[in-house]
């Protein structure tokens, strides 16, 4: 199993399909798994302050 927070190249995906099966988990899949299993996450509420502090 290989895990990255980025993406795998086409050559890496092809190599994983050949011979011994290798599981590739890229950044998008990693995020989905973390959300699905709520692994070390705590939901938070975020507020955006628009232009309130943008004084020039």
N, C-alpha and C. Protein backbone atom coordinates (compact mmCIF):
# COMPACT_ATOMS: atom_id res chain seq x y z
N UNK A 1 0.85 -1.16 0.00
CA UNK A 1 0.00 0.00 0.00
C UNK A 1 0.90 1.23 0.00
N UNK A 2 0.58 2.17 -0.89
CA UNK A 2 1.29 3.44 -0.95
C UNK A 2 0.28 4.56 -0.79
N UNK A 3 0.61 5.51 0.09
CA UNK A 3 -0.27 6.63 0.37
C UNK A 3 0.47 7.92 0.11
N UNK A 4 -0.20 8.87 -0.55
CA UNK A 4 0.36 10.19 -0.78
C UNK A 4 -0.72 11.23 -0.53
N UNK A 5 -0.31 12.44 -0.18
CA UNK A 5 -1.28 13.51 -0.06
C UNK A 5 -1.40 14.28 -1.37
N UNK A 6 -0.74 13.78 -2.40
CA UNK A 6 -0.75 14.36 -3.73
C UNK A 6 -1.44 13.40 -4.69
N UNK A 7 -0.92 13.28 -5.90
CA UNK A 7 -1.47 12.37 -6.90
C UNK A 7 -0.39 11.42 -7.40
N UNK A 8 -0.82 10.26 -7.89
CA UNK A 8 0.11 9.30 -8.48
C UNK A 8 0.18 9.53 -9.98
N UNK A 9 1.36 9.28 -10.56
CA UNK A 9 1.52 9.40 -12.00
C UNK A 9 0.83 8.22 -12.69
N UNK A 10 0.60 8.37 -13.97
CA UNK A 10 0.01 7.28 -14.75
C UNK A 10 0.91 6.04 -14.69
N UNK A 11 2.23 6.25 -14.73
CA UNK A 11 3.17 5.13 -14.67
C UNK A 11 3.04 4.39 -13.34
N UNK A 12 2.85 5.13 -12.25
CA UNK A 12 2.69 4.49 -10.94
C UNK A 12 1.40 3.68 -10.90
N UNK A 13 0.33 4.21 -11.47
CA UNK A 13 -0.95 3.48 -11.49
C UNK A 13 -0.83 2.21 -12.32
N UNK A 14 -0.15 2.30 -13.45
CA UNK A 14 0.04 1.12 -14.31
C UNK A 14 0.88 0.07 -13.59
N UNK A 15 1.95 0.49 -12.92
CA UNK A 15 2.82 -0.44 -12.20
C UNK A 15 2.06 -1.13 -11.07
N UNK A 16 1.14 -0.40 -10.44
CA UNK A 16 0.36 -0.99 -9.34
C UNK A 16 -0.59 -2.06 -9.85
N UNK A 17 -1.03 -1.95 -11.10
CA UNK A 17 -1.95 -2.94 -11.67
C UNK A 17 -1.22 -4.20 -12.14
N UNK A 18 0.06 -4.08 -12.44
CA UNK A 18 0.83 -5.21 -12.95
C UNK A 18 1.40 -6.02 -11.78
N UNK A 19 1.55 -7.31 -11.98
CA UNK A 19 2.19 -8.16 -10.98
C UNK A 19 1.43 -8.21 -9.68
N UNK A 20 2.14 -8.10 -8.56
CA UNK A 20 1.53 -8.14 -7.24
C UNK A 20 0.64 -6.92 -7.05
N UNK A 21 -0.60 -7.12 -6.63
CA UNK A 21 -1.50 -5.97 -6.44
C UNK A 21 -0.97 -5.00 -5.39
N UNK A 22 -0.99 -3.74 -5.72
CA UNK A 22 -0.58 -2.67 -4.82
C UNK A 22 -1.74 -1.69 -4.73
N UNK A 23 -2.10 -1.31 -3.52
CA UNK A 23 -3.16 -0.34 -3.32
C UNK A 23 -2.55 1.06 -3.27
N UNK A 24 -3.08 1.97 -4.09
CA UNK A 24 -2.63 3.35 -4.10
C UNK A 24 -3.74 4.23 -3.52
N UNK A 25 -3.39 5.04 -2.55
CA UNK A 25 -4.34 5.97 -1.96
C UNK A 25 -3.78 7.37 -2.15
N UNK A 26 -4.46 8.17 -3.00
CA UNK A 26 -3.98 9.53 -3.25
C UNK A 26 -4.65 10.51 -2.29
N UNK A 27 -4.33 11.78 -2.43
CA UNK A 27 -4.84 12.80 -1.53
C UNK A 27 -6.35 12.84 -1.44
N UNK A 28 -7.04 12.76 -2.59
CA UNK A 28 -8.51 12.80 -2.59
C UNK A 28 -9.10 11.60 -1.85
N UNK A 29 -8.57 10.41 -2.14
CA UNK A 29 -9.06 9.21 -1.45
C UNK A 29 -8.75 9.27 0.04
N UNK A 30 -7.60 9.82 0.39
CA UNK A 30 -7.23 9.93 1.79
C UNK A 30 -8.22 10.82 2.54
N UNK A 31 -8.60 11.94 1.94
CA UNK A 31 -9.58 12.83 2.57
C UNK A 31 -10.92 12.12 2.72
N UNK A 32 -11.36 11.39 1.70
CA UNK A 32 -12.63 10.66 1.78
C UNK A 32 -12.61 9.63 2.91
N UNK A 33 -11.50 8.92 3.06
CA UNK A 33 -11.40 7.92 4.12
C UNK A 33 -11.41 8.57 5.51
N UNK A 34 -10.71 9.68 5.66
CA UNK A 34 -10.69 10.38 6.95
C UNK A 34 -12.09 10.83 7.32
N UNK A 35 -12.81 11.39 6.35
CA UNK A 35 -14.18 11.85 6.61
C UNK A 35 -15.10 10.67 6.91
N UNK A 36 -15.00 9.62 6.11
CA UNK A 36 -15.87 8.46 6.28
C UNK A 36 -15.72 7.84 7.67
N UNK A 37 -14.49 7.67 8.13
CA UNK A 37 -14.24 7.00 9.40
C UNK A 37 -14.01 7.97 10.56
N UNK A 38 -14.18 9.28 10.29
CA UNK A 38 -13.99 10.32 11.31
C UNK A 38 -12.70 10.10 12.10
N UNK A 39 -11.64 9.89 11.37
CA UNK A 39 -10.34 9.56 11.94
C UNK A 39 -9.62 10.82 12.41
N UNK A 40 -9.56 11.01 13.72
CA UNK A 40 -8.87 12.15 14.32
C UNK A 40 -9.35 13.49 13.80
N UNK A 41 -10.65 13.64 13.60
CA UNK A 41 -11.18 14.93 13.17
C UNK A 41 -12.25 15.40 14.13
N UNK A 42 -12.35 16.69 14.24
CA UNK A 42 -13.40 17.32 15.03
C UNK A 42 -14.05 18.38 14.14
N UNK A 43 -15.34 18.27 13.89
CA UNK A 43 -16.00 19.29 13.06
C UNK A 43 -15.90 20.66 13.72
N UNK A 44 -15.69 21.69 12.91
CA UNK A 44 -15.62 23.06 13.41
C UNK A 44 -16.49 23.96 12.54
N UNK A 45 -16.90 25.09 13.11
CA UNK A 45 -17.64 26.09 12.36
C UNK A 45 -16.70 27.23 12.04
N UNK A 46 -16.70 27.67 10.79
CA UNK A 46 -15.82 28.75 10.37
C UNK A 46 -16.66 29.95 9.94
N UNK A 47 -16.24 31.12 10.37
CA UNK A 47 -16.91 32.36 10.00
C UNK A 47 -15.94 33.22 9.20
N UNK A 48 -16.44 33.84 8.13
CA UNK A 48 -15.63 34.72 7.30
C UNK A 48 -16.07 36.15 7.56
N UNK A 49 -15.11 37.04 7.82
CA UNK A 49 -15.40 38.42 8.19
C UNK A 49 -15.44 39.40 7.01
N UNK A 50 -15.75 38.97 5.84
CA UNK A 50 -15.87 39.83 4.66
C UNK A 50 -14.84 40.95 4.67
N UNK A 51 -15.28 42.21 4.47
CA UNK A 51 -14.37 43.35 4.36
C UNK A 51 -14.27 44.16 5.65
N UNK A 52 -14.72 43.64 6.75
CA UNK A 52 -14.76 44.38 8.01
C UNK A 52 -13.39 44.95 8.39
N UNK A 53 -12.32 44.17 8.24
CA UNK A 53 -11.00 44.61 8.62
C UNK A 53 -10.18 45.13 7.43
N UNK A 54 -10.77 45.26 6.30
CA UNK A 54 -10.06 45.68 5.09
C UNK A 54 -10.16 47.20 4.93
N UNK A 55 -9.45 47.92 5.80
CA UNK A 55 -9.45 49.38 5.73
C UNK A 55 -8.14 49.86 5.17
N UNK A 56 -8.21 50.72 4.15
CA UNK A 56 -6.97 51.26 3.55
C UNK A 56 -6.96 52.74 3.65
